[in-house]
Amino acid sequence: MSSSATSSHWLRILMVFLVVGALVAVASWFFWPRGEALTEALKPLIDQSNTEPSRVATAILSNYHETRTNASAWSGLYWGFTFLAAALGALAGLILKFEFILKNEAVKKDVAAIFSVTAALLIVISTSGDFQRKWQANRIAAAELERTGYELLEKNGADARSYFAVIARILHNRHVTVLGSTEQKPVAAEPDKPK
């Protein structure tokens, strides 16, 4: 087997490994169960259509599913970029060090440089995009909505309307955290009306 054939053989094995790993990660993200227990617990309240507890339970559950989906998406991006950057950085070093992976020095240096630059860009994008903060903000909001749902169930839907304010606060806090500011801007006071 020639050196170029051996090099391309190892490169193909490496690419297959990366593609299979990515496919497994994406498949597990799409098919991982989310919120079935809360869905089943709130179902009796939701089925009481056109009642306050039904509307509140529906709002809690819909927002819970949205925040869980968002948390999964940001988590997938954050950890995917992090692990891919680590893998590419490590592979760049291996390609330069091991002679049997790539024999051609020019190709070896080019592939290692591409892997290194890609790894650096992935970290920069993940960090500057604050993927971790967005993942955590949605995860915390989902946990708070889940707790609120169980609290509604514990009180058997009593005083259901008051839960809208709780849902609004949770969602507002999530949006503020996603934007990267935990400080509330003061609302401008209305000007005094002439007397």
N, C-alpha and C. Protein backbone atom coordinates (compact mmCIF):
# COMPACT_ATOMS: atom_id res chain seq x y z
N MET A 1 0.85 -1.18 0.00
CA MET A 1 0.00 0.00 0.00
C MET A 1 0.89 1.24 0.00
N SER A 2 0.64 2.17 -0.87
CA SER A 2 1.46 3.38 -0.98
C SER A 2 1.20 4.31 0.20
N SER A 3 2.12 5.25 0.39
CA SER A 3 1.97 6.17 1.53
C SER A 3 0.75 7.07 1.37
N SER A 4 0.44 7.49 0.15
CA SER A 4 -0.74 8.34 -0.04
C SER A 4 -2.03 7.55 0.18
N ALA A 5 -2.02 6.25 -0.20
CA ALA A 5 -3.20 5.42 0.04
C ALA A 5 -3.40 5.19 1.53
N THR A 6 -2.29 4.99 2.27
CA THR A 6 -2.39 4.82 3.71
C THR A 6 -2.90 6.09 4.38
N SER A 7 -2.39 7.22 3.92
CA SER A 7 -2.82 8.51 4.48
C SER A 7 -4.30 8.73 4.25
N SER A 8 -4.76 8.49 3.04
CA SER A 8 -6.18 8.70 2.76
C SER A 8 -7.04 7.69 3.50
N HIS A 9 -6.51 6.48 3.72
CA HIS A 9 -7.24 5.46 4.49
C HIS A 9 -7.49 5.97 5.92
N TRP A 10 -6.44 6.48 6.58
CA TRP A 10 -6.57 6.99 7.93
C TRP A 10 -7.46 8.22 7.99
N LEU A 11 -7.36 9.06 6.98
CA LEU A 11 -8.19 10.25 6.94
C LEU A 11 -9.67 9.88 6.79
N ARG A 12 -9.96 8.87 5.97
CA ARG A 12 -11.35 8.40 5.83
C ARG A 12 -11.88 7.82 7.14
N ILE A 13 -11.05 7.05 7.82
CA ILE A 13 -11.47 6.48 9.11
C ILE A 13 -11.78 7.61 10.10
N LEU A 14 -10.93 8.61 10.13
CA LEU A 14 -11.13 9.75 11.00
C LEU A 14 -12.42 10.49 10.66
N MET A 15 -12.68 10.72 9.41
CA MET A 15 -13.89 11.42 8.98
C MET A 15 -15.14 10.61 9.31
N VAL A 16 -15.09 9.30 9.10
CA VAL A 16 -16.24 8.44 9.44
C VAL A 16 -16.51 8.51 10.93
N PHE A 17 -15.45 8.47 11.73
CA PHE A 17 -15.59 8.56 13.18
C PHE A 17 -16.27 9.87 13.58
N LEU A 18 -15.83 10.98 13.00
CA LEU A 18 -16.42 12.29 13.32
C LEU A 18 -17.87 12.38 12.88
N VAL A 19 -18.18 11.88 11.70
CA VAL A 19 -19.56 11.93 11.19
C VAL A 19 -20.48 11.07 12.04
N VAL A 20 -20.04 9.86 12.38
CA VAL A 20 -20.87 8.97 13.22
C VAL A 20 -21.10 9.61 14.59
N GLY A 21 -20.06 10.20 15.17
CA GLY A 21 -20.21 10.88 16.45
C GLY A 21 -21.20 12.02 16.38
N ALA A 22 -21.13 12.81 15.31
CA ALA A 22 -22.07 13.92 15.14
C ALA A 22 -23.50 13.41 14.97
N LEU A 23 -23.68 12.35 14.20
CA LEU A 23 -25.02 11.78 13.99
C LEU A 23 -25.61 11.24 15.29
N VAL A 24 -24.80 10.60 16.09
CA VAL A 24 -25.28 10.07 17.38
C VAL A 24 -25.69 11.23 18.29
N ALA A 25 -24.89 12.30 18.31
CA ALA A 25 -25.22 13.46 19.14
C ALA A 25 -26.51 14.11 18.70
N VAL A 26 -26.69 14.30 17.40
CA VAL A 26 -27.91 14.93 16.88
C VAL A 26 -29.12 14.04 17.13
N ALA A 27 -28.99 12.74 16.90
CA ALA A 27 -30.12 11.82 17.12
C ALA A 27 -30.53 11.79 18.59
N SER A 28 -29.55 11.77 19.48
CA SER A 28 -29.91 11.74 20.90
C SER A 28 -30.56 13.05 21.32
N TRP A 29 -30.15 14.18 20.72
CA TRP A 29 -30.77 15.45 21.05
C TRP A 29 -32.23 15.47 20.63
N PHE A 30 -32.53 14.95 19.43
CA PHE A 30 -33.91 14.97 18.93
C PHE A 30 -34.82 13.99 19.66
N PHE A 31 -34.31 12.85 20.08
CA PHE A 31 -35.17 11.81 20.62
C PHE A 31 -35.10 11.66 22.13
N TRP A 32 -34.34 12.51 22.80
CA TRP A 32 -34.26 12.45 24.25
C TRP A 32 -35.58 12.93 24.84
N PRO A 33 -36.18 12.17 25.76
CA PRO A 33 -37.49 12.58 26.30
C PRO A 33 -37.38 13.83 27.17
N ARG A 34 -38.43 14.67 27.08
CA ARG A 34 -38.44 15.92 27.83
C ARG A 34 -39.84 16.19 28.38
N GLY A 35 -39.98 16.23 29.68
CA GLY A 35 -41.18 16.71 30.32
C GLY A 35 -42.40 15.82 30.28
N GLU A 36 -42.23 14.52 30.11
CA GLU A 36 -43.40 13.65 30.04
C GLU A 36 -44.15 13.60 31.37
N ALA A 37 -43.42 13.61 32.48
CA ALA A 37 -44.08 13.52 33.79
C ALA A 37 -44.96 14.72 34.04
N LEU A 38 -44.45 15.92 33.74
CA LEU A 38 -45.25 17.13 33.94
C LEU A 38 -46.45 17.14 33.00
N THR A 39 -46.25 16.71 31.78
CA THR A 39 -47.35 16.65 30.81
C THR A 39 -48.48 15.75 31.32
N GLU A 40 -48.10 14.57 31.80
CA GLU A 40 -49.11 13.64 32.32
C GLU A 40 -49.79 14.17 33.57
N ALA A 41 -49.03 14.83 34.43
CA ALA A 41 -49.60 15.36 35.67
C ALA A 41 -50.58 16.49 35.40
N LEU A 42 -50.27 17.37 34.44
CA LEU A 42 -51.14 18.51 34.14
C LEU A 42 -52.31 18.16 33.22
N LYS A 43 -52.28 16.98 32.62
CA LYS A 43 -53.32 16.61 31.65
C LYS A 43 -54.73 16.71 32.22
N PRO A 44 -55.02 16.23 33.43
CA PRO A 44 -56.38 16.37 33.96
C PRO A 44 -56.85 17.82 34.07
N LEU A 45 -55.95 18.72 34.46
CA LEU A 45 -56.33 20.14 34.53
C LEU A 45 -56.54 20.72 33.13
N ILE A 46 -55.67 20.37 32.21
CA ILE A 46 -55.78 20.88 30.84
C ILE A 46 -57.07 20.41 30.18
N ASP A 47 -57.47 19.18 30.49
CA ASP A 47 -58.68 18.62 29.89
C ASP A 47 -59.97 19.31 30.37
N GLN A 48 -59.90 20.08 31.44
CA GLN A 48 -61.07 20.86 31.89
C GLN A 48 -61.12 22.14 31.05
N SER A 49 -61.50 22.01 29.81
CA SER A 49 -61.41 23.14 28.88
C SER A 49 -62.22 24.35 29.33
N ASN A 50 -61.68 25.52 28.96
CA ASN A 50 -62.28 26.83 29.24
C ASN A 50 -62.46 27.13 30.72
N THR A 51 -61.53 26.66 31.53
CA THR A 51 -61.51 27.01 32.95
C THR A 51 -60.18 27.71 33.23
N GLU A 52 -60.14 28.48 34.31
CA GLU A 52 -58.88 29.14 34.68
C GLU A 52 -57.75 28.13 34.90
N PRO A 53 -57.96 27.06 35.68
CA PRO A 53 -56.88 26.09 35.86
C PRO A 53 -56.40 25.48 34.53
N SER A 54 -57.32 25.28 33.59
CA SER A 54 -56.95 24.72 32.28
C SER A 54 -56.05 25.68 31.52
N ARG A 55 -56.43 26.95 31.51
CA ARG A 55 -55.61 27.95 30.79
C ARG A 55 -54.24 28.11 31.43
N VAL A 56 -54.19 28.13 32.75
CA VAL A 56 -52.92 28.27 33.45
C VAL A 56 -52.05 27.03 33.21
N ALA A 57 -52.62 25.85 33.35
CA ALA A 57 -51.86 24.61 33.12
C ALA A 57 -51.33 24.55 31.69
N THR A 58 -52.13 24.98 30.73
CA THR A 58 -51.69 25.02 29.33
C THR A 58 -50.55 26.00 29.15
N ALA A 59 -50.65 27.18 29.77
CA ALA A 59 -49.58 28.18 29.68
C ALA A 59 -48.29 27.66 30.30
N ILE A 60 -48.41 27.03 31.46
CA ILE A 60 -47.22 26.49 32.12
C ILE A 60 -46.58 25.42 31.24
N LEU A 61 -47.39 24.49 30.76
CA LEU A 61 -46.85 23.38 29.99
C LEU A 61 -46.26 23.84 28.65
N SER A 62 -46.93 24.74 27.96
CA SER A 62 -46.41 25.23 26.68
C SER A 62 -45.09 25.95 26.87
N ASN A 63 -45.03 26.83 27.87
CA ASN A 63 -43.78 27.54 28.14
C ASN A 63 -42.69 26.61 28.64
N TYR A 64 -43.07 25.59 29.40
CA TYR A 64 -42.10 24.60 29.87
C TYR A 64 -41.47 23.88 28.69
N HIS A 65 -42.30 23.40 27.76
CA HIS A 65 -41.77 22.69 26.59
C HIS A 65 -40.89 23.61 25.74
N GLU A 66 -41.29 24.87 25.60
CA GLU A 66 -40.48 25.81 24.82
C GLU A 66 -39.12 26.03 25.46
N THR A 67 -39.10 26.26 26.78
CA THR A 67 -37.83 26.52 27.45
C THR A 67 -36.95 25.27 27.48
N ARG A 68 -37.55 24.09 27.62
CA ARG A 68 -36.76 22.85 27.58
C ARG A 68 -36.15 22.65 26.18
N THR A 69 -36.94 22.92 25.14
CA THR A 69 -36.43 22.80 23.78
C THR A 69 -35.30 23.79 23.54
N ASN A 70 -35.49 25.04 23.99
CA ASN A 70 -34.44 26.04 23.85
C ASN A 70 -33.19 25.66 24.64
N ALA A 71 -33.39 25.14 25.85
CA ALA A 71 -32.25 24.71 26.66
C ALA A 71 -31.48 23.60 25.96
N SER A 72 -32.21 22.67 25.37
CA SER A 72 -31.55 21.57 24.65
C SER A 72 -30.78 22.08 23.44
N ALA A 73 -31.37 23.01 22.72
CA ALA A 73 -30.70 23.55 21.54
C ALA A 73 -29.42 24.30 21.92
N TRP A 74 -29.50 25.18 22.92
CA TRP A 74 -28.32 25.93 23.34
C TRP A 74 -27.29 25.01 23.97
N SER A 75 -27.74 24.03 24.72
CA SER A 75 -26.81 23.05 25.30
C SER A 75 -26.10 22.28 24.21
N GLY A 76 -26.87 21.84 23.20
CA GLY A 76 -26.26 21.12 22.09
C GLY A 76 -25.23 21.95 21.37
N LEU A 77 -25.54 23.22 21.13
CA LEU A 77 -24.59 24.10 20.47
C LEU A 77 -23.35 24.32 21.35
N TYR A 78 -23.58 24.63 22.61
CA TYR A 78 -22.46 24.92 23.50
C TYR A 78 -21.53 23.71 23.63
N TRP A 79 -22.10 22.57 24.02
CA TRP A 79 -21.26 21.38 24.22
C TRP A 79 -20.75 20.82 22.90
N GLY A 80 -21.55 20.92 21.84
CA GLY A 80 -21.08 20.47 20.54
C GLY A 80 -19.87 21.26 20.08
N PHE A 81 -19.95 22.58 20.18
CA PHE A 81 -18.81 23.43 19.80
C PHE A 81 -17.60 23.15 20.69
N THR A 82 -17.85 22.97 22.00
CA THR A 82 -16.76 22.73 22.94
C THR A 82 -16.05 21.41 22.64
N PHE A 83 -16.81 20.33 22.50
CA PHE A 83 -16.19 19.03 22.25
C PHE A 83 -15.57 18.95 20.86
N LEU A 84 -16.22 19.57 19.87
CA LEU A 84 -15.65 19.56 18.53
C LEU A 84 -14.34 20.35 18.50
N ALA A 85 -14.30 21.49 19.19
CA ALA A 85 -13.07 22.28 19.26
C ALA A 85 -11.96 21.47 19.93
N ALA A 86 -12.28 20.78 21.02
CA ALA A 86 -11.29 19.96 21.71
C ALA A 86 -10.80 18.83 20.81
N ALA A 87 -11.73 18.17 20.12
CA ALA A 87 -11.35 17.07 19.23
C ALA A 87 -10.49 17.56 18.08
N LEU A 88 -10.87 18.67 17.47
CA LEU A 88 -10.08 19.19 16.35
C LEU A 88 -8.70 19.66 16.80
N GLY A 89 -8.62 20.28 17.97
CA GLY A 89 -7.33 20.70 18.50
C GLY A 89 -6.42 19.51 18.75
N ALA A 90 -6.98 18.45 19.34
CA ALA A 90 -6.20 17.24 19.61
C ALA A 90 -5.79 16.56 18.30
N LEU A 91 -6.70 16.51 17.35
CA LEU A 91 -6.38 15.88 16.06
C LEU A 91 -5.29 16.65 15.32
N ALA A 92 -5.31 17.97 15.44
CA ALA A 92 -4.25 18.77 14.79
C ALA A 92 -2.89 18.36 15.32
N GLY A 93 -2.79 18.18 16.63
CA GLY A 93 -1.53 17.73 17.23
C GLY A 93 -1.14 16.34 16.80
N LEU A 94 -2.13 15.43 16.75
CA LEU A 94 -1.84 14.05 16.33
C LEU A 94 -1.38 13.98 14.88
N ILE A 95 -2.03 14.76 14.04
CA ILE A 95 -1.66 14.75 12.62
C ILE A 95 -0.22 15.21 12.44
N LEU A 96 0.18 16.23 13.19
CA LEU A 96 1.56 16.72 13.09
C LEU A 96 2.57 15.73 13.67
N LYS A 97 2.19 15.04 14.72
CA LYS A 97 3.13 14.16 15.42
C LYS A 97 3.28 12.79 14.75
N PHE A 98 2.19 12.16 14.41
CA PHE A 98 2.25 10.79 13.90
C PHE A 98 2.51 10.78 12.40
N GLU A 99 3.48 10.01 12.01
CA GLU A 99 3.88 9.95 10.60
C GLU A 99 2.92 9.09 9.77
N PHE A 100 2.25 8.12 10.39
CA PHE A 100 1.43 7.19 9.61
C PHE A 100 0.07 7.77 9.21
N ILE A 101 -0.37 8.86 9.83
CA ILE A 101 -1.68 9.42 9.49
C ILE A 101 -1.62 10.11 8.13
N LEU A 102 -0.69 11.02 7.98
CA LEU A 102 -0.48 11.69 6.69
C LEU A 102 1.02 11.72 6.43
N LYS A 103 1.41 11.26 5.27
CA LYS A 103 2.84 11.20 4.92
C LYS A 103 3.32 12.50 4.29
N ASN A 104 2.48 13.14 3.50
CA ASN A 104 2.86 14.35 2.78
C ASN A 104 2.93 15.51 3.78
N GLU A 105 4.12 16.09 3.95
CA GLU A 105 4.33 17.15 4.94
C GLU A 105 3.46 18.38 4.67
N ALA A 106 3.32 18.76 3.40
CA ALA A 106 2.52 19.94 3.07
C ALA A 106 1.06 19.72 3.43
N VAL A 107 0.52 18.56 3.08
CA VAL A 107 -0.88 18.24 3.39
C VAL A 107 -1.06 18.14 4.90
N LYS A 108 -0.11 17.52 5.56
CA LYS A 108 -0.15 17.36 7.02
C LYS A 108 -0.27 18.73 7.70
N LYS A 109 0.57 19.67 7.29
CA LYS A 109 0.55 21.00 7.90
C LYS A 109 -0.74 21.74 7.57
N ASP A 110 -1.22 21.59 6.34
CA ASP A 110 -2.47 22.26 5.96
C ASP A 110 -3.66 21.73 6.76
N VAL A 111 -3.77 20.41 6.88
CA VAL A 111 -4.89 19.81 7.61
C VAL A 111 -4.81 20.21 9.09
N ALA A 112 -3.61 20.15 9.67
CA ALA A 112 -3.46 20.53 11.08
C ALA A 112 -3.82 22.01 11.29
N ALA A 113 -3.41 22.87 10.36
CA ALA A 113 -3.74 24.28 10.48
C ALA A 113 -5.25 24.52 10.37
N ILE A 114 -5.90 23.82 9.44
CA ILE A 114 -7.35 23.96 9.27
C ILE A 114 -8.07 23.50 10.55
N PHE A 115 -7.64 22.36 11.11
CA PHE A 115 -8.25 21.87 12.35
C PHE A 115 -8.04 22.86 13.49
N SER A 116 -6.84 23.42 13.62
CA SER A 116 -6.55 24.36 14.70
C SER A 116 -7.36 25.63 14.57
N VAL A 117 -7.41 26.17 13.37
CA VAL A 117 -8.17 27.41 13.15
C VAL A 117 -9.66 27.16 13.39
N THR A 118 -10.18 26.04 12.91
CA THR A 118 -11.59 25.72 13.13
C THR A 118 -11.89 25.58 14.62
N ALA A 119 -11.00 24.92 15.37
CA ALA A 119 -11.19 24.77 16.82
C ALA A 119 -11.22 26.14 17.50
N ALA A 120 -10.32 27.01 17.12
CA ALA A 120 -10.28 28.35 17.71
C ALA A 120 -11.55 29.12 17.38
N LEU A 121 -12.01 29.05 16.14
CA LEU A 121 -13.24 29.75 15.75
C LEU A 121 -14.45 29.23 16.49
N LEU A 122 -14.53 27.91 16.69
CA LEU A 122 -15.65 27.33 17.42
C LEU A 122 -15.72 27.87 18.85
N ILE A 123 -14.58 27.96 19.50
CA ILE A 123 -14.54 28.49 20.87
C ILE A 123 -14.91 29.97 20.89
N VAL A 124 -14.40 30.73 19.93
CA VAL A 124 -14.72 32.16 19.87
C VAL A 124 -16.21 32.38 19.64
N ILE A 125 -16.79 31.62 18.72
CA ILE A 125 -18.22 31.77 18.42
C ILE A 125 -19.06 31.39 19.64
N SER A 126 -18.72 30.27 20.27
CA SER A 126 -19.47 29.81 21.44
C SER A 126 -19.36 30.80 22.59
N THR A 127 -18.18 31.34 22.79
CA THR A 127 -17.96 32.28 23.89
C THR A 127 -18.61 33.63 23.61
N SER A 128 -18.37 34.17 22.42
CA SER A 128 -18.94 35.49 22.12
C SER A 128 -20.45 35.43 21.96
N GLY A 129 -20.98 34.28 21.57
CA GLY A 129 -22.42 34.12 21.47
C GLY A 129 -23.08 33.79 22.80
N ASP A 130 -22.28 33.61 23.83
CA ASP A 130 -22.77 33.27 25.17
C ASP A 130 -23.72 32.08 25.16
N PHE A 131 -23.35 31.03 24.44
CA PHE A 131 -24.20 29.85 24.34
C PHE A 131 -24.45 29.22 25.71
N GLN A 132 -23.43 29.23 26.58
CA GLN A 132 -23.60 28.63 27.90
C GLN A 132 -24.64 29.38 28.72
N ARG A 133 -24.57 30.71 28.72
CA ARG A 133 -25.54 31.50 29.49
C ARG A 133 -26.96 31.29 28.98
N LYS A 134 -27.13 31.21 27.65
CA LYS A 134 -28.46 31.01 27.07
C LYS A 134 -28.99 29.63 27.42
N TRP A 135 -28.12 28.63 27.42
CA TRP A 135 -28.53 27.29 27.80
C TRP A 135 -28.98 27.28 29.26
N GLN A 136 -28.17 27.89 30.14
CA GLN A 136 -28.49 27.88 31.56
C GLN A 136 -29.75 28.69 31.88
N ALA A 137 -29.94 29.83 31.19
CA ALA A 137 -31.14 30.65 31.43
C ALA A 137 -32.40 29.87 31.09
N ASN A 138 -32.38 29.17 29.98
CA ASN A 138 -33.55 28.38 29.59
C ASN A 138 -33.74 27.17 30.50
N ARG A 139 -32.65 26.58 30.94
CA ARG A 139 -32.76 25.41 31.83
C ARG A 139 -33.35 25.82 33.18
N ILE A 140 -32.90 26.96 33.70
CA ILE A 140 -33.44 27.46 34.98
C ILE A 140 -34.91 27.81 34.83
N ALA A 141 -35.28 28.46 33.73
CA ALA A 141 -36.69 28.82 33.50
C ALA A 141 -37.54 27.56 33.41
N ALA A 142 -37.04 26.54 32.74
CA ALA A 142 -37.79 25.28 32.64
C ALA A 142 -37.99 24.67 34.02
N ALA A 143 -36.97 24.69 34.84
CA ALA A 143 -37.07 24.13 36.19
C ALA A 143 -38.08 24.92 37.03
N GLU A 144 -38.07 26.25 36.90
CA GLU A 144 -39.03 27.07 37.64
C GLU A 144 -40.46 26.84 37.15
N LEU A 145 -40.63 26.70 35.86
CA LEU A 145 -41.97 26.42 35.32
C LEU A 145 -42.46 25.05 35.77
N GLU A 146 -41.55 24.09 35.80
CA GLU A 146 -41.92 22.75 36.27
C GLU A 146 -42.36 22.80 37.73
N ARG A 147 -41.60 23.50 38.56
CA ARG A 147 -41.97 23.65 39.97
C ARG A 147 -43.32 24.34 40.10
N THR A 148 -43.55 25.36 39.27
CA THR A 148 -44.82 26.09 39.30
C THR A 148 -45.98 25.17 38.90
N GLY A 149 -45.75 24.32 37.92
CA GLY A 149 -46.78 23.37 37.51
C GLY A 149 -47.15 22.41 38.63
N TYR A 150 -46.16 21.91 39.33
CA TYR A 150 -46.44 21.00 40.44
C TYR A 150 -47.09 21.72 41.61
N GLU A 151 -46.73 22.98 41.80
CA GLU A 151 -47.38 23.77 42.86
C GLU A 151 -48.86 23.98 42.52
N LEU A 152 -49.16 24.26 41.25
CA LEU A 152 -50.55 24.39 40.82
C LEU A 152 -51.32 23.10 41.08
N LEU A 153 -50.68 21.98 40.79
CA LEU A 153 -51.32 20.68 41.03
C LEU A 153 -51.52 20.43 42.53
N GLU A 154 -50.53 20.82 43.32
CA GLU A 154 -50.62 20.62 44.77
C GLU A 154 -51.82 21.37 45.34
N LYS A 155 -52.09 22.55 44.79
CA LYS A 155 -53.21 23.36 45.26
C LYS A 155 -54.49 23.05 44.49
N ASN A 156 -54.44 22.00 43.67
CA ASN A 156 -55.59 21.52 42.91
C ASN A 156 -56.22 22.62 42.04
N GLY A 157 -55.37 23.51 41.51
CA GLY A 157 -55.85 24.56 40.61
C GLY A 157 -56.48 25.75 41.30
N ALA A 158 -56.40 25.78 42.63
CA ALA A 158 -57.00 26.90 43.36
C ALA A 158 -56.22 28.19 43.08
N ASP A 159 -56.95 29.29 42.97
CA ASP A 159 -56.36 30.61 42.72
C ASP A 159 -55.45 30.57 41.49
N ALA A 160 -55.94 29.92 40.45
CA ALA A 160 -55.14 29.68 39.25
C ALA A 160 -54.66 30.97 38.58
N ARG A 161 -55.50 31.99 38.56
CA ARG A 161 -55.15 33.24 37.86
C ARG A 161 -53.85 33.85 38.40
N SER A 162 -53.57 33.68 39.68
CA SER A 162 -52.36 34.27 40.27
C SER A 162 -51.08 33.68 39.67
N TYR A 163 -51.18 32.51 39.06
CA TYR A 163 -50.00 31.87 38.47
C TYR A 163 -49.55 32.55 37.19
N PHE A 164 -50.41 33.33 36.55
CA PHE A 164 -49.99 34.05 35.35
C PHE A 164 -48.86 35.03 35.67
N ALA A 165 -48.94 35.67 36.83
CA ALA A 165 -47.88 36.60 37.24
C ALA A 165 -46.56 35.85 37.47
N VAL A 166 -46.66 34.66 38.03
CA VAL A 166 -45.46 33.84 38.26
C VAL A 166 -44.83 33.44 36.92
N ILE A 167 -45.67 33.00 35.99
CA ILE A 167 -45.18 32.62 34.66
C ILE A 167 -44.52 33.81 33.98
N ALA A 168 -45.16 34.97 34.06
CA ALA A 168 -44.61 36.18 33.43
C ALA A 168 -43.26 36.53 34.03
N ARG A 169 -43.12 36.41 35.35
CA ARG A 169 -41.85 36.73 36.00
C ARG A 169 -40.75 35.77 35.56
N ILE A 170 -41.08 34.49 35.50
CA ILE A 170 -40.11 33.48 35.07
C ILE A 170 -39.63 33.76 33.65
N LEU A 171 -40.56 34.03 32.76
CA LEU A 171 -40.21 34.28 31.36
C LEU A 171 -39.44 35.59 31.20
N HIS A 172 -39.83 36.60 31.97
CA HIS A 172 -39.10 37.87 31.91
C HIS A 172 -37.66 37.68 32.37
N ASN A 173 -37.47 36.98 33.48
CA ASN A 173 -36.12 36.72 33.99
C ASN A 173 -35.29 35.94 32.97
N ARG A 174 -35.92 34.99 32.30
CA ARG A 174 -35.21 34.23 31.26
C ARG A 174 -34.75 35.15 30.14
N HIS A 175 -35.64 36.02 29.66
CA HIS A 175 -35.29 36.92 28.56
C HIS A 175 -34.17 37.87 28.97
N VAL A 176 -34.25 38.41 30.18
CA VAL A 176 -33.22 39.33 30.66
C VAL A 176 -31.88 38.61 30.74
N THR A 177 -31.88 37.39 31.24
CA THR A 177 -30.63 36.62 31.36
C THR A 177 -30.08 36.26 29.98
N VAL A 178 -30.94 35.87 29.05
CA VAL A 178 -30.49 35.55 27.70
C VAL A 178 -29.85 36.76 27.04
N LEU A 179 -30.42 37.94 27.29
CA LEU A 179 -29.85 39.16 26.73
C LEU A 179 -28.52 39.54 27.37
N GLY A 180 -28.25 38.98 28.52
CA GLY A 180 -26.96 39.23 29.16
C GLY A 180 -26.97 40.33 30.18
N SER A 181 -28.13 40.76 30.58
CA SER A 181 -28.20 41.82 31.57
C SER A 181 -29.12 41.36 32.69
N THR A 182 -28.61 41.39 33.88
CA THR A 182 -29.45 41.01 35.02
C THR A 182 -30.02 42.24 35.71
N GLU A 183 -29.63 43.41 35.26
CA GLU A 183 -30.13 44.64 35.86
C GLU A 183 -31.39 45.09 35.15
N GLN A 184 -32.36 45.48 35.92
CA GLN A 184 -33.59 46.01 35.38
C GLN A 184 -33.39 47.49 35.09
N LYS A 185 -33.76 47.93 33.92
CA LYS A 185 -33.70 49.36 33.62
C LYS A 185 -34.91 50.02 34.26
N PRO A 186 -34.67 51.12 34.94
CA PRO A 186 -35.82 51.78 35.58
C PRO A 186 -36.79 52.31 34.54
N VAL A 187 -38.03 52.12 34.84
CA VAL A 187 -39.08 52.63 33.95
C VAL A 187 -39.18 54.13 34.18
N ALA A 188 -39.18 54.86 33.10
CA ALA A 188 -39.26 56.32 33.22
C ALA A 188 -40.58 56.72 33.83
N ALA A 189 -40.50 57.63 34.77
CA ALA A 189 -41.72 58.09 35.43
C ALA A 189 -42.52 58.94 34.44
N GLU A 190 -43.83 58.81 34.58
CA GLU A 190 -44.68 59.64 33.71
C GLU A 190 -44.56 61.09 34.15
N PRO A 191 -44.51 62.02 33.18
CA PRO A 191 -44.41 63.43 33.57
C PRO A 191 -45.68 63.87 34.31
N ASP A 192 -45.44 64.80 35.22
CA ASP A 192 -46.60 65.31 35.96
C ASP A 192 -47.55 66.01 35.01
N LYS A 193 -48.82 65.75 35.22
CA LYS A 193 -49.83 66.42 34.40
C LYS A 193 -50.05 67.84 34.92
N PRO A 194 -50.25 68.77 34.03
CA PRO A 194 -50.49 70.14 34.50
C PRO A 194 -51.75 70.22 35.34
N LYS A 195 -51.68 71.07 36.33
CA LYS A 195 -52.83 71.21 37.23
C LYS A 195 -53.72 72.31 36.78
